[in-house]
Protein backbone atom coordinates (compact mmCIF):
# COMPACT_ATOMS: atom_id res chain seq x y z
CA GLN A 1 44.60 5.90 67.07
CA GLY A 2 46.43 2.95 65.43
CA ARG A 3 44.82 -0.04 64.02
CA GLN A 4 44.55 -3.35 66.02
CA LYS A 5 45.61 -6.66 64.75
CA ASP A 6 44.84 -10.21 65.93
CA VAL A 7 48.52 -11.03 66.42
CA ILE A 8 51.37 -8.51 66.83
CA LEU A 9 54.99 -9.31 66.39
CA LEU A 10 56.95 -6.44 68.12
CA SER A 11 60.80 -6.37 67.17
CA CYS A 12 62.99 -4.60 69.73
CA VAL A 13 66.25 -5.92 68.45
CA ARG A 14 67.99 -2.63 67.71
CA ALA A 15 69.43 -2.14 71.01
CA THR A 16 73.00 -1.01 71.65
CA GLN A 17 75.14 -3.80 72.95
CA ILE A 18 77.04 -3.36 76.16
CA THR A 19 80.72 -3.86 75.36
CA ASP A 20 82.62 -2.03 78.16
CA ALA A 21 82.09 0.60 80.90
CA THR A 22 82.35 3.40 78.39
CA THR A 23 79.48 2.20 76.07
CA THR A 24 76.29 4.14 76.20
CA VAL A 25 73.36 1.88 76.36
CA GLY A 26 70.42 2.78 74.34
CA ILE A 27 67.29 1.03 73.38
CA GLY A 28 66.04 3.48 70.62
CA PHE A 29 62.45 4.47 70.10
CA VAL A 30 61.16 1.65 72.36
CA ALA A 31 62.39 3.70 75.41
CA ASN A 32 59.54 6.05 74.58
CA ARG A 33 56.63 5.43 77.01
CA GLN A 34 54.07 6.62 74.60
CA ARG A 35 55.46 4.35 71.66
CA LEU A 36 55.58 1.52 74.00
CA ASN A 37 51.99 1.92 75.17
CA VAL A 38 50.80 2.10 71.54
CA SER A 39 52.82 -1.03 70.72
CA LEU A 40 51.48 -2.90 73.62
CA THR A 41 47.70 -2.14 73.05
CA ARG A 42 47.42 -3.16 69.48
CA ALA A 43 47.09 -7.04 69.84
CA LYS A 44 43.59 -8.28 70.03
CA TYR A 45 44.60 -11.89 70.86
CA ALA A 46 48.42 -12.51 71.05
CA MET A 47 51.64 -10.47 71.10
CA TYR A 48 55.36 -11.78 70.71
CA ILE A 49 58.09 -9.44 71.70
CA LEU A 50 61.50 -10.12 70.31
CA GLY A 51 64.51 -8.34 72.01
CA HIS A 52 67.55 -8.57 73.96
CA MET A 53 66.19 -8.39 77.62
CA ASN A 54 69.49 -7.42 79.12
CA SER A 55 69.51 -4.39 76.92
CA LEU A 56 65.91 -3.58 77.36
CA ASN A 57 65.93 -3.85 81.11
CA VAL A 58 68.00 -0.66 81.31
CA ASN A 59 64.48 1.07 80.99
CA GLU A 60 62.13 1.00 84.07
CA ASP A 61 59.08 0.30 81.90
CA TRP A 62 60.51 -2.57 80.17
CA GLN A 63 61.77 -3.95 83.61
CA LYS A 64 58.10 -3.94 84.72
CA LEU A 65 57.01 -5.57 81.64
CA TYR A 66 59.56 -8.26 81.88
CA SER A 67 58.93 -8.88 85.56
CA ASN A 68 55.22 -9.29 84.80
CA ALA A 69 56.00 -11.64 81.91
CA VAL A 70 58.18 -13.69 84.24
CA GLU A 71 55.48 -13.97 86.90
CA ARG A 72 53.00 -15.15 84.28
CA LYS A 73 55.62 -17.65 82.76
CA THR A 74 55.44 -16.17 79.34
CA ILE A 75 59.10 -15.64 78.62
CA PHE A 76 60.75 -17.98 75.96
CA GLN A 77 64.56 -17.57 75.49
CA LEU A 78 65.24 -18.10 71.75
CA THR A 79 68.96 -18.65 71.13
CA LEU A 80 69.02 -20.70 67.76
CA PRO A 81 67.54 -19.93 64.37
CA GLU A 82 65.57 -23.11 64.77
CA GLN A 83 63.81 -21.68 67.78
CA PHE A 84 63.01 -18.53 65.87
CA GLU A 85 61.47 -20.59 63.05
CA TRP A 86 59.30 -22.55 65.63
CA LEU A 87 58.22 -19.22 66.97
CA MET A 88 57.22 -17.92 63.52
CA LYS A 89 55.38 -21.30 62.70
CA HIS A 90 53.40 -21.12 65.90
CA GLN A 91 52.38 -17.57 65.19
CA GLN A 92 51.19 -18.59 61.77
CA GLU A 93 49.20 -21.47 63.21
CA ALA A 94 47.56 -19.20 65.84
CA GLN A 95 46.64 -16.66 63.13
CA THR A 96 45.13 -19.38 60.99
CA GLU A 97 43.21 -20.67 63.97
CA LEU A 98 41.86 -17.20 64.58
CA THR A 99 40.92 -16.71 60.96
CA GLU A 100 39.02 -20.10 60.93
CA LYS A 101 37.02 -18.90 64.04
CA LYS A 102 35.71 -15.73 62.27
């Protein structure tokens, strides 16, 4: 089995963009259920998933994950570089807090 970490940042940003009706939509390795399961079970305290949800939602497993996150109000739409920087700062603060508690 893989190693667990306190905080996981899962990048799913390599999705094929929908450009027209003839474009094949693909989300790469994150479409694999086993890989998704491994990815989702490695965080001890927090997980941040970065991705283009319109692309990821072509997959049934990602649809369910997204719906669950919406229900729990844990979706944050990041559209500007400043927002991404905020996320990274927040993650670093959370990691520091966890380290201090140990």
